C-alpha atoms as a PDB file:
ATOM      1  CA  SER A   1     -16.456  -5.036 -25.260  1.00  0.00           C
ATOM      2  CA  ALA A   2     -13.141  -4.178 -23.602  1.00  0.00           C
ATOM      3  CA  PHE A   3     -10.985  -1.224 -22.651  1.00  0.00           C
ATOM      4  CA  LEU A   4      -8.355  -0.130 -25.147  1.00  0.00           C
ATOM      5  CA  PHE A   5      -5.379   1.488 -23.402  1.00  0.00           C
ATOM      6  CA  LEU A   6      -3.054   3.593 -25.532  1.00  0.00           C
ATOM      7  CA  CYS A   7       0.055   5.552 -24.592  1.00  0.00           C
ATOM      8  CA  PRO A   8       0.498   8.591 -26.848  1.00  0.00           C
ATOM      9  CA  GLN A   9       3.675   9.820 -25.164  1.00  0.00           C
ATOM     10  CA  SER A  10       6.910   9.401 -27.110  1.00  0.00           C
ATOM     11  CA  TYR A  11       8.854  11.816 -24.854  1.00  0.00           C
ATOM     12  CA  ARG A  12       9.880  13.897 -27.828  1.00  0.00           C
ATOM     13  CA  ASP A  13       9.384  16.906 -25.544  1.00  0.00           C
ATOM     14  CA  GLY A  14      12.876  16.371 -24.092  1.00  0.00           C
ATOM     15  CA  SER A  15      11.739  15.115 -20.688  1.00  0.00           C
ATOM     16  CA  ALA A  16      13.248  11.629 -21.054  1.00  0.00           C
ATOM     17  CA  GLY A  17      16.841  10.499 -20.667  1.00  0.00           C
ATOM     18  CA  ALA A  18      16.809   9.041 -24.176  1.00  0.00           C
ATOM     19  CA  THR A  19      14.199   8.628 -26.886  1.00  0.00           C
ATOM     20  CA  TYR A  20      13.938   8.810 -30.646  1.00  0.00           C
ATOM     21  CA  VAL A  21      11.445   9.520 -33.403  1.00  0.00           C
ATOM     22  CA  ILE A  22      11.232   7.654 -36.699  1.00  0.00           C
ATOM     23  CA  LYS A  23      10.912  10.020 -39.646  1.00  0.00           C
ATOM     24  CA  GLN A  24      10.519   9.455 -43.359  1.00  0.00           C
ATOM     25  CA  GLU A  25      12.651  11.403 -45.833  1.00  0.00           C
ATOM     26  CA  ASP A  26      11.400  12.708 -49.185  1.00  0.00           C
ATOM     27  CA  ASP A  27      12.954   9.717 -50.930  1.00  0.00           C
ATOM     28  CA  GLY A  28      11.018   7.289 -48.727  1.00  0.00           C
ATOM     29  CA  THR A  29      13.894   6.187 -46.511  1.00  0.00           C
ATOM     30  CA  ARG A  30      13.325   5.993 -42.772  1.00  0.00           C
ATOM     31  CA  VAL A  31      15.678   7.711 -40.363  1.00  0.00           C
ATOM     32  CA  THR A  32      15.960   7.634 -36.595  1.00  0.00           C
ATOM     33  CA  ASP A  33      16.057  11.090 -35.023  1.00  0.00           C
ATOM     34  CA  TRP A  34      17.290  11.014 -31.429  1.00  0.00           C
ATOM     35  CA  VAL A  35      15.765  13.578 -29.054  1.00  0.00           C
ATOM     36  CA  PRO A  36      18.156  14.848 -26.359  1.00  0.00           C
ATOM     37  CA  MET A  37      17.024  15.457 -22.802  1.00  0.00           C
ATOM     38  CA  LEU A  38      16.517  19.086 -21.803  1.00  0.00           C
ATOM     39  CA  PRO A  39      18.252  19.501 -18.425  1.00  0.00           C
ATOM     40  CA  ASP A  40      16.785  21.791 -15.789  1.00  0.00           C
ATOM     41  CA  ASP A  41      18.755  24.928 -14.988  1.00  0.00           C
ATOM     42  CA  PRO A  42      18.609  25.373 -11.191  1.00  0.00           C
ATOM     43  CA  GLU A  43      19.158  29.114 -11.591  1.00  0.00           C
ATOM     44  CA  LEU A  44      16.152  29.616 -13.861  1.00  0.00           C
ATOM     45  CA  ASP A  45      12.404  29.326 -13.413  1.00  0.00           C
ATOM     46  CA  THR A  46      11.555  25.934 -14.915  1.00  0.00           C
ATOM     47  CA  PHE A  47       7.823  26.589 -15.216  1.00  0.00           C
ATOM     48  CA  PRO A  48       7.928  27.911 -18.827  1.00  0.00           C
ATOM     49  CA  GLN A  49       9.826  24.820 -20.004  1.00  0.00           C
ATOM     50  CA  LYS A  50       7.623  22.363 -18.122  1.00  0.00           C
ATOM     51  CA  SER A  51       4.457  24.145 -19.242  1.00  0.00           C
ATOM     52  CA  LYS A  52       5.612  23.954 -22.865  1.00  0.00           C
ATOM     53  CA  GLN A  53       6.352  20.251 -22.447  1.00  0.00           C
ATOM     54  CA  VAL A  54       2.970  19.423 -20.941  1.00  0.00           C
ATOM     55  CA  HIS A  55       1.192  21.221 -23.776  1.00  0.00           C
ATOM     56  CA  GLN A  56       3.298  19.346 -26.330  1.00  0.00           C
ATOM     57  CA  ARG A  57       2.286  16.109 -24.640  1.00  0.00           C
ATOM     58  CA  SER A  58      -1.359  17.181 -24.831  1.00  0.00           C
ATOM     59  CA  ASP A  59      -0.921  17.896 -28.557  1.00  0.00           C
ATOM     60  CA  GLU A  60       0.298  14.312 -29.007  1.00  0.00           C
ATOM     61  CA  PHE A  61      -2.713  13.055 -27.061  1.00  0.00           C
ATOM     62  CA  GLY A  62      -5.052  14.935 -29.408  1.00  0.00           C
ATOM     63  CA  HIS A  63      -3.170  13.615 -32.427  1.00  0.00           C
ATOM     64  CA  MET A  64      -3.656  10.085 -31.107  1.00  0.00           C
ATOM     65  CA  LEU A  65      -7.418  10.645 -30.885  1.00  0.00           C
ATOM     66  CA  ASP A  66      -7.409  11.898 -34.472  1.00  0.00           C
ATOM     67  CA  LEU A  67      -5.571   8.744 -35.566  1.00  0.00           C
ATOM     68  CA  LEU A  68      -8.086   6.557 -33.729  1.00  0.00           C
ATOM     69  CA  THR A  69     -10.897   8.321 -35.577  1.00  0.00           C
ATOM     70  CA  THR A  70      -9.130   7.674 -38.885  1.00  0.00           C
ATOM     71  CA  ILE A  71      -8.630   3.991 -38.013  1.00  0.00           C
ATOM     72  CA  ASP A  72     -12.255   3.577 -36.939  1.00  0.00           C
ATOM     73  CA  GLN A  73     -13.364   5.036 -40.261  1.00  0.00           C
ATOM     74  CA  GLY A  74     -11.317   2.412 -42.101  1.00  0.00           C
ATOM     75  CA  ARG A  75      -8.945   4.890 -43.683  1.00  0.00           C
ATOM     76  CA  SER A  76      -5.257   4.094 -43.997  1.00  0.00           C
ATOM     77  CA  ILE A  77      -2.525   5.790 -42.009  1.00  0.00           C
ATOM     78  CA  ASP A  78       1.249   5.807 -42.436  1.00  0.00           C
ATOM     79  CA  ASN A  79       2.758   3.546 -39.791  1.00  0.00           C
ATOM     80  CA  LEU A  80       6.501   4.118 -39.901  1.00  0.00           C
ATOM     81  CA  CYS A  81       7.072   1.419 -37.279  1.00  0.00           C
ATOM     82  CA  GLN A  82       5.998  -1.170 -39.860  1.00  0.00           C
ATOM     83  CA  THR A  83       4.522  -3.558 -37.307  1.00  0.00           C
ATOM     84  CA  GLY A  84       2.585  -5.467 -39.968  1.00  0.00           C
ATOM     85  CA  MET A  85      -0.677  -5.077 -38.033  1.00  0.00           C
ATOM     86  CA  ASP A  86      -3.757  -4.803 -40.197  1.00  0.00           C
ATOM     87  CA  LEU A  87      -5.459  -1.701 -38.842  1.00  0.00           C
ATOM     88  CA  LEU A  88      -8.522  -2.317 -41.018  1.00  0.00           C
ATOM     89  CA  GLN A  89      -9.624  -4.883 -38.436  1.00  0.00           C
ATOM     90  CA  PHE A  90     -10.573  -1.967 -36.185  1.00  0.00           C
ATOM     91  CA  LYS A  91     -12.979  -0.371 -38.679  1.00  0.00           C
ATOM     92  CA  ASP A  92     -16.253   0.518 -36.909  1.00  0.00           C
ATOM     93  CA  LYS A  93     -14.966  -1.274 -33.784  1.00  0.00           C
ATOM     94  CA  LEU A  94     -13.812   1.687 -31.655  1.00  0.00           C
ATOM     95  CA  ASP A  95     -16.300   3.453 -29.398  1.00  0.00           C
ATOM     96  CA  LEU A  96     -14.898   6.954 -29.542  1.00  0.00           C
ATOM     97  CA  ASP A  97     -17.833   8.363 -27.590  1.00  0.00           C
ATOM     98  CA  ARG A  98     -16.356   6.768 -24.466  1.00  0.00           C
ATOM     99  CA  VAL A  99     -12.821   8.129 -24.211  1.00  0.00           C
ATOM    100  CA  ALA A 100     -10.993   9.095 -21.018  1.00  0.00           C
ATOM    101  CA  ALA A 101      -7.528  10.322 -20.064  1.00  0.00           C
ATOM    102  CA  MET A 102      -5.412   8.652 -17.392  1.00  0.00           C
ATOM    103  CA  GLY A 103      -1.855   9.406 -16.359  1.00  0.00           C
ATOM    104  CA  HIS A 104       0.720   9.199 -13.586  1.00  0.00           C
ATOM    105  CA  SER A 105       2.854  12.137 -12.388  1.00  0.00           C
ATOM    106  CA  PHE A 106       3.715  14.218 -15.502  1.00  0.00           C
ATOM    107  CA  GLY A 107       1.162  12.075 -17.318  1.00  0.00           C
ATOM    108  CA  GLY A 108      -1.411  13.248 -14.790  1.00  0.00           C
ATOM    109  CA  SER A 109      -0.782  16.896 -15.588  1.00  0.00           C
ATOM    110  CA  THR A 110      -0.887  15.980 -19.291  1.00  0.00           C
ATOM    111  CA  SER A 111      -4.313  14.410 -18.755  1.00  0.00           C
ATOM    112  CA  LEU A 112      -5.625  17.579 -17.096  1.00  0.00           C
ATOM    113  CA  VAL A 113      -4.394  19.795 -19.931  1.00  0.00           C
ATOM    114  CA  SER A 114      -5.963  17.351 -22.388  1.00  0.00           C
ATOM    115  CA  LEU A 115      -9.321  17.658 -20.583  1.00  0.00           C
ATOM    116  CA  TYR A 116      -9.095  21.408 -21.027  1.00  0.00           C
ATOM    117  CA  ARG A 117      -8.153  21.245 -24.690  1.00  0.00           C
ATOM    118  CA  ASN A 118     -10.199  18.278 -25.877  1.00  0.00           C
ATOM    119  CA  PRO A 119     -13.955  18.041 -25.225  1.00  0.00           C
ATOM    120  CA  ARG A 120     -13.955  14.492 -26.656  1.00  0.00           C
ATOM    121  CA  LEU A 121     -12.631  13.310 -23.292  1.00  0.00           C
ATOM    122  CA  LYS A 122     -15.418  12.329 -20.900  1.00  0.00           C
ATOM    123  CA  CYS A 123     -13.374  12.157 -17.678  1.00  0.00           C
ATOM    124  CA  ALA A 124      -9.876  11.642 -16.290  1.00  0.00           C
ATOM    125  CA  VAL A 125      -8.060   9.642 -13.623  1.00  0.00           C
ATOM    126  CA  ILE A 126      -4.995  11.425 -12.239  1.00  0.00           C
ATOM    127  CA  LEU A 127      -2.491   9.126 -10.524  1.00  0.00           C
ATOM    128  CA  ASP A 128      -0.373  11.154  -8.094  1.00  0.00           C
ATOM    129  CA  GLY A 129      -0.361  13.945 -10.639  1.00  0.00           C
ATOM    130  CA  TRP A 130       2.412  16.533 -10.860  1.00  0.00           C
ATOM    131  CA  MET A 131       0.560  19.847 -10.576  1.00  0.00           C
ATOM    132  CA  PHE A 132       3.531  22.203 -11.017  1.00  0.00           C
ATOM    133  CA  PRO A 133       3.426  22.593 -14.860  1.00  0.00           C
ATOM    134  CA  LEU A 134      -0.255  23.602 -14.885  1.00  0.00           C
ATOM    135  CA  ASP A 135      -1.577  27.114 -15.421  1.00  0.00           C
ATOM    136  CA  THR A 136      -4.455  27.439 -12.957  1.00  0.00           C
ATOM    137  CA  GLU A 137      -6.228  29.858 -15.296  1.00  0.00           C
ATOM    138  CA  MET A 138      -7.402  26.841 -17.300  1.00  0.00           C
ATOM    139  CA  PHE A 139      -9.077  25.214 -14.285  1.00  0.00           C
ATOM    140  CA  PRO A 140     -12.463  27.026 -14.551  1.00  0.00           C
ATOM    141  CA  HIS A 141     -12.720  25.843 -18.170  1.00  0.00           C
ATOM    142  CA  ILE A 142     -12.395  22.131 -17.339  1.00  0.00           C
ATOM    143  CA  SER A 143     -15.903  20.674 -17.082  1.00  0.00           C
ATOM    144  CA  GLN A 144     -15.369  16.887 -16.959  1.00  0.00           C
ATOM    145  CA  PRO A 145     -15.340  14.562 -13.908  1.00  0.00           C
ATOM    146  CA  ILE A 146     -11.924  13.920 -12.357  1.00  0.00           C
ATOM    147  CA  LEU A 147     -10.579  11.341  -9.914  1.00  0.00           C
ATOM    148  CA  PHE A 148      -7.312  12.077  -8.107  1.00  0.00           C
ATOM    149  CA  VAL A 149      -5.621   8.991  -6.652  1.00  0.00           C
ATOM    150  CA  ASN A 150      -2.661  10.115  -4.563  1.00  0.00           C
ATOM    151  CA  GLY A 151       0.148   8.417  -2.709  1.00  0.00           C
ATOM    152  CA  GLU A 152       0.767   9.457   0.869  1.00  0.00           C
ATOM    153  CA  THR A 153       4.220  10.997   0.529  1.00  0.00           C
ATOM    154  CA  TYR A 154       4.517  12.828  -2.803  1.00  0.00           C
ATOM    155  CA  GLN A 155       2.041  15.694  -2.812  1.00  0.00           C
ATOM    156  CA  SER A 156       2.975  19.085  -1.362  1.00  0.00           C
ATOM    157  CA  PRO A 157       0.410  21.395   0.294  1.00  0.00           C
ATOM    158  CA  LYS A 158       0.529  23.632  -2.787  1.00  0.00           C
ATOM    159  CA  SER A 159      -0.270  20.678  -5.069  1.00  0.00           C
ATOM    160  CA  ILE A 160      -3.203  19.662  -2.867  1.00  0.00           C
ATOM    161  CA  GLU A 161      -4.407  23.261  -2.953  1.00  0.00           C
ATOM    162  CA  ARG A 162      -4.410  23.142  -6.750  1.00  0.00           C
ATOM    163  CA  MET A 163      -6.297  19.854  -6.767  1.00  0.00           C
ATOM    164  CA  ASN A 164      -8.886  21.315  -4.401  1.00  0.00           C
ATOM    165  CA  LYS A 165      -9.465  24.178  -6.827  1.00  0.00           C
ATOM    166  CA  LEU A 166     -10.532  21.599  -9.389  1.00  0.00           C
ATOM    167  CA  ILE A 167     -12.527  19.499  -6.943  1.00  0.00           C
ATOM    168  CA  GLY A 168     -14.537  22.383  -5.517  1.00  0.00           C
ATOM    169  CA  VAL A 169     -16.859  22.722  -8.517  1.00  0.00           C
ATOM    170  CA  GLU A 170     -20.526  22.264  -7.746  1.00  0.00           C
ATOM    171  CA  GLY A 171     -22.414  19.720  -9.816  1.00  0.00           C
ATOM    172  CA  VAL A 172     -19.354  17.903 -11.188  1.00  0.00           C
ATOM    173  CA  ASP A 173     -18.233  14.525  -9.812  1.00  0.00           C
ATOM    174  CA  ARG A 174     -14.658  15.060  -8.666  1.00  0.00           C
ATOM    175  CA  LYS A 175     -12.925  13.157  -5.914  1.00  0.00           C
ATOM    176  CA  MET A 176      -9.545  12.873  -4.264  1.00  0.00           C
ATOM    177  CA  ILE A 177      -8.440   9.740  -2.439  1.00  0.00           C
ATOM    178  CA  THR A 178      -5.099   9.058  -0.798  1.00  0.00           C
ATOM    179  CA  ILE A 179      -3.795   5.518  -0.386  1.00  0.00           C
ATOM    180  CA  LYS A 180      -2.033   5.432   2.969  1.00  0.00           C
ATOM    181  CA  GLY A 181       1.330   3.741   3.139  1.00  0.00           C
ATOM    182  CA  THR A 182       2.179   4.375  -0.515  1.00  0.00           C
ATOM    183  CA  ALA A 183       4.856   6.397  -2.293  1.00  0.00           C
ATOM    184  CA  HIS A 184       4.884   8.068  -5.705  1.00  0.00           C
ATOM    185  CA  LEU A 185       6.075   4.986  -7.578  1.00  0.00           C
ATOM    186  CA  ASN A 186       3.557   2.626  -5.971  1.00  0.00           C
ATOM    187  CA  GLN A 187       1.361   3.250  -9.004  1.00  0.00           C
ATOM    188  CA  THR A 188       4.029   1.858 -11.323  1.00  0.00           C
ATOM    189  CA  ASP A 189       5.872  -1.429 -11.828  1.00  0.00           C
ATOM    190  CA  PHE A 190       8.911  -0.070  -9.983  1.00  0.00           C
ATOM    191  CA  ALA A 191       7.238  -0.800  -6.645  1.00  0.00           C
ATOM    192  CA  PHE A 192       7.576  -4.538  -7.334  1.00  0.00           C
ATOM    193  CA  PHE A 193      11.296  -4.525  -8.159  1.00  0.00           C
ATOM    194  CA  LEU A 194      12.653  -4.306  -4.620  1.00  0.00           C
ATOM    195  CA  GLY A 195      11.581  -5.711  -1.262  1.00  0.00           C
ATOM    196  CA  LYS A 196      10.252  -3.630   1.599  1.00  0.00           C
ATOM    197  CA  PHE A 197      13.645  -2.942   3.209  1.00  0.00           C
ATOM    198  CA  PHE A 198      15.351  -1.379   0.180  1.00  0.00           C
ATOM    199  CA  GLY A 199      12.177  -0.173  -1.520  1.00  0.00           C
ATOM    200  CA  THR A 200      11.053   2.007   1.379  1.00  0.00           C
ATOM    201  CA  ARG A 201      14.528   3.418   1.993  1.00  0.00           C
ATOM    202  CA  LEU A 202      14.924   4.368  -1.648  1.00  0.00           C
ATOM    203  CA  GLN A 203      11.362   5.745  -1.605  1.00  0.00           C
ATOM    204  CA  ILE A 204      10.387   3.495  -4.503  1.00  0.00           C
ATOM    205  CA  ARG A 205       7.481   2.086  -2.494  1.00  0.00           C
ATOM    206  CA  GLY A 206       5.724   2.711   0.784  1.00  0.00           C
ATOM    207  CA  VAL A 207       5.139   0.398   3.707  1.00  0.00           C
ATOM    208  CA  LEU A 208       1.891  -0.941   2.244  1.00  0.00           C
ATOM    209  CA  ASP A 209       2.173  -4.195   0.300  1.00  0.00           C
ATOM    210  CA  PRO A 210       2.521  -3.081  -3.352  1.00  0.00           C
ATOM    211  CA  VAL A 211       0.020  -5.749  -4.451  1.00  0.00           C
ATOM    212  CA  VAL A 212      -2.605  -4.304  -2.100  1.00  0.00           C
ATOM    213  CA  ALA A 213      -1.709  -0.769  -3.182  1.00  0.00           C
ATOM    214  CA  ILE A 214      -2.062  -1.494  -6.884  1.00  0.00           C
ATOM    215  CA  ASP A 215      -5.330  -3.373  -6.310  1.00  0.00           C
ATOM    216  CA  ILE A 216      -6.845  -0.354  -4.529  1.00  0.00           C
ATOM    217  CA  ASN A 217      -5.515   1.907  -7.275  1.00  0.00           C
ATOM    218  CA  ASN A 218      -7.003  -0.275 -10.019  1.00  0.00           C
ATOM    219  CA  GLU A 219     -10.365  -0.736  -8.309  1.00  0.00           C
ATOM    220  CA  ALA A 220     -10.807   2.992  -7.796  1.00  0.00           C
ATOM    221  CA  SER A 221      -9.741   3.844 -11.350  1.00  0.00           C
ATOM    222  CA  LEU A 222     -11.966   1.222 -12.980  1.00  0.00           C
ATOM    223  CA  ALA A 223     -14.985   2.131 -10.856  1.00  0.00           C
ATOM    224  CA  PHE A 224     -14.650   5.802 -11.833  1.00  0.00           C
ATOM    225  CA  LEU A 225     -14.111   5.067 -15.526  1.00  0.00           C
ATOM    226  CA  VAL A 226     -17.019   2.643 -15.722  1.00  0.00           C
ATOM    227  CA  LYS A 227     -19.294   5.177 -14.031  1.00  0.00           C
ATOM    228  CA  HIS A 228     -18.462   8.143 -16.228  1.00  0.00           C
ATOM    229  CA  LEU A 229     -17.966   6.300 -19.494  1.00  0.00           C
ATOM    230  CA  ASP A 230     -21.334   4.658 -18.905  1.00  0.00           C
ATOM    231  CA  ILE A 231     -20.050   1.167 -19.662  1.00  0.00           C
ATOM    232  CA  PRO A 232     -23.078  -1.179 -19.869  1.00  0.00           C
ATOM    233  CA  GLY A 233     -23.005  -4.468 -17.986  1.00  0.00           C
ATOM    234  CA  SER A 234     -19.979  -3.559 -15.895  1.00  0.00           C
ATOM    235  CA  ASP A 235     -19.938  -4.166 -12.152  1.00  0.00           C
ATOM    236  CA  TYR A 236     -17.055  -2.626 -10.251  1.00  0.00           C
ATOM    237  CA  ASN A 237     -16.654  -1.815  -6.572  1.00  0.00           C
ATOM    238  CA  THR A 238     -17.689   1.820  -6.194  1.00  0.00           C
ATOM    239  CA  ASP A 239     -17.309   1.748  -2.391  1.00  0.00           C
ATOM    240  CA  VAL A 240     -13.567   2.354  -2.748  1.00  0.00           C
ATOM    241  CA  LEU A 241     -14.345   5.786  -4.195  1.00  0.00           C
ATOM    242  CA  ASP A 242     -15.960   6.710  -0.879  1.00  0.00           C
ATOM    243  CA  GLY A 243     -12.946   5.640   1.157  1.00  0.00           C
END
């Protein structure tokens, strides 16, 4: 057995600098539809736009789970990317009873909305999640375990307050850990692009060695996923979850 990691986000919500969607016309031809970026208006409240985007992302997450169910059942799907991969090889091979959400920044808020909207998800790992786009009224309706893994410099007091609202639920395993000496992008590949001198000044990484930072991040995430997905025969370091 192994983990299958999938990224459902195509950024068609207008949050990326440039992206496109492949569509099929009635005559069967494929066209590329470019999606422009939606700029923020500094004079307007951006919450409605960001909230709409995070819910669109969650819709795409749910659609991905539906596609995985179709693939596991051995039914065909239209793959406009034409990768040539034989999806029938995955028939009866996907364990869709052990599915979790995991995301960084905007992907973290997407994962939380997906927990709220999709009971098929057993738990979530939120990597320095961006809490701004979330409507706190959904929080009491989220029942699954959650692990927050934060960098030291990104989260505001208001964001931590929102996380604590989710953590303070009796009887549900929810934790928050902060990796000292790390910045927001330490949980991405960007932290490895520059050395300490330029990386810390551009706030791409913190003072902690990015290899050490990503190892702690991975150990904590895997330990939490293995625990709550009930993966048999897996032995991961759970001590990191206790600090």
